[in-house]
Amino acid sequence: MKTILIICIAFMAFSFKQDAKTQLVTIKTSAECGECKERIESKLNYTKGIVFSELDYKTQVLTVKFKPSKITLDQIKQIVSDLGYDADDVKANVDAKKALPSCCQPHGMDK
């Protein structure tokens, strides 16, 4: 029983130490629909250094938890831009934006 308690405490300490090495940020995007959400989350959630990403397309806010030792905030914003979406002050890649489906184009959901 004592061994299990020690293992649990060690695991918890390790978990807290890992959390201290991550950063949580929010990024304002130009994403407008569920397809945008799928595209952005799919790319980011399979990117080295990103723990998780979640886009609320109704508010256009992307939440990303990442490891700054593996990837920078600027790199994350560039990935979003390369997908065709604005990411805070980083404007969307023009060619990627043009290649998006019509619903994902700026104001595409208004049509």
Protein backbone atom coordinates (compact mmCIF):
# COMPACT_ATOMS: atom_id res chain seq x y z
CA MET A 1 0.00 0.00 0.00
CA LYS A 2 2.85 2.34 0.86
CA THR A 3 4.43 1.68 -2.54
CA ILE A 4 1.22 2.60 -4.37
CA LEU A 5 0.99 5.86 -2.41
CA ILE A 6 4.59 6.74 -3.27
CA ILE A 7 4.00 5.97 -6.95
CA CYS A 8 0.86 8.14 -6.98
CA ILE A 9 2.67 11.07 -5.36
CA ALA A 10 5.59 10.74 -7.77
CA PHE A 11 3.20 10.64 -10.74
CA MET A 12 1.36 13.74 -9.52
CA ALA A 13 4.63 15.61 -9.00
CA PHE A 14 5.77 14.64 -12.49
CA SER A 15 2.44 15.79 -13.96
CA PHE A 16 2.66 19.19 -12.27
CA LYS A 17 6.23 19.58 -13.48
CA GLN A 18 5.13 18.84 -17.06
CA ASP A 19 2.32 21.43 -16.87
CA ALA A 20 4.83 24.07 -15.84
CA LYS A 21 6.55 23.52 -19.19
CA THR A 22 3.47 24.34 -21.26
CA GLN A 23 1.85 27.59 -22.25
CA LEU A 24 -1.82 28.31 -22.95
CA VAL A 25 -2.71 31.07 -25.43
CA THR A 26 -5.71 32.34 -27.32
CA ILE A 27 -5.48 33.52 -30.91
CA LYS A 28 -8.11 35.53 -32.79
CA THR A 29 -8.71 33.93 -36.19
CA SER A 30 -10.82 34.55 -39.26
CA ALA A 31 -12.31 31.02 -39.16
CA GLU A 32 -16.07 30.94 -39.72
CA CYS A 33 -17.48 27.40 -39.71
CA GLY A 34 -17.16 23.82 -38.57
CA GLU A 35 -15.04 22.96 -41.59
CA CYS A 36 -12.58 25.68 -40.55
CA LYS A 37 -12.54 24.21 -37.05
CA GLU A 38 -11.76 20.74 -38.37
CA ARG A 39 -9.01 22.00 -40.69
CA ILE A 40 -7.22 24.09 -38.05
CA GLU A 41 -7.54 21.61 -35.18
CA SER A 42 -6.48 18.68 -37.36
CA LYS A 43 -3.31 20.44 -38.43
CA LEU A 44 -2.38 21.82 -35.00
CA ASN A 45 -3.23 18.74 -32.95
CA TYR A 46 -0.79 16.70 -35.04
CA THR A 47 2.00 19.28 -34.87
CA LYS A 48 5.02 18.50 -32.69
CA GLY A 49 5.01 20.60 -29.52
CA ILE A 50 1.27 21.26 -29.45
CA VAL A 51 -0.56 19.57 -26.58
CA PHE A 52 -4.04 20.52 -27.81
CA SER A 53 -5.91 23.11 -29.81
CA GLU A 54 -9.58 24.01 -29.85
CA LEU A 55 -11.35 26.52 -32.05
CA ASP A 56 -14.62 28.18 -31.11
CA TYR A 57 -15.61 29.28 -34.60
CA LYS A 58 -18.59 31.30 -33.31
CA THR A 59 -16.22 33.64 -31.47
CA GLN A 60 -13.32 32.92 -33.85
CA VAL A 61 -11.03 32.25 -30.88
CA LEU A 62 -8.44 29.49 -31.07
CA THR A 63 -7.09 28.14 -27.77
CA VAL A 64 -3.74 26.38 -27.96
CA LYS A 65 -1.71 24.66 -25.26
CA PHE A 66 1.86 24.09 -26.39
CA LYS A 67 5.42 23.41 -25.26
CA PRO A 68 7.53 26.54 -25.86
CA SER A 69 10.65 24.34 -25.89
CA LYS A 70 9.33 22.63 -29.04
CA ILE A 71 7.35 25.35 -30.91
CA THR A 72 6.90 29.11 -30.63
CA LEU A 73 3.72 31.17 -30.67
CA ASP A 74 4.91 32.82 -33.88
CA GLN A 75 5.30 29.40 -35.52
CA ILE A 76 1.76 28.45 -34.47
CA LYS A 77 0.38 31.67 -35.93
CA GLN A 78 2.29 31.00 -39.15
CA ILE A 79 0.76 27.51 -39.40
CA VAL A 80 -2.72 29.03 -39.07
CA SER A 81 -1.84 31.65 -41.68
CA ASP A 82 -0.53 28.98 -44.05
CA LEU A 83 -3.90 27.24 -43.76
CA GLY A 84 -5.58 30.43 -45.06
CA TYR A 85 -6.73 32.13 -41.84
CA ASP A 86 -5.71 35.26 -39.98
CA ALA A 87 -4.00 34.61 -36.63
CA ASP A 88 -3.99 37.75 -34.50
CA ASP A 89 -1.65 40.15 -36.30
CA VAL A 90 -0.48 37.56 -38.86
CA LYS A 91 -2.59 37.82 -41.99
CA ALA A 92 -3.73 34.74 -43.87
CA ASN A 93 -1.61 33.43 -46.71
CA VAL A 94 -3.39 34.84 -49.77
CA ASP A 95 -3.07 31.73 -51.95
CA ALA A 96 -4.18 29.42 -49.14
CA LYS A 97 -7.16 31.65 -48.40
CA LYS A 98 -8.25 31.58 -52.05
CA ALA A 99 -8.06 27.77 -52.02
CA LEU A 100 -10.47 27.45 -49.06
CA PRO A 101 -14.06 26.30 -49.69
CA SER A 102 -16.56 29.15 -50.15
CA CYS A 103 -17.98 28.73 -46.63
CA CYS A 104 -14.49 29.29 -45.21
CA GLN A 105 -13.80 32.42 -47.25
CA PRO A 106 -14.06 35.76 -45.43
CA HIS A 107 -17.76 36.37 -44.78
CA GLY A 108 -18.52 33.06 -46.53
CA MET A 109 -21.14 32.17 -43.94
CA ASP A 110 -23.01 35.45 -44.65
CA LYS A 111 -23.80 34.36 -48.21
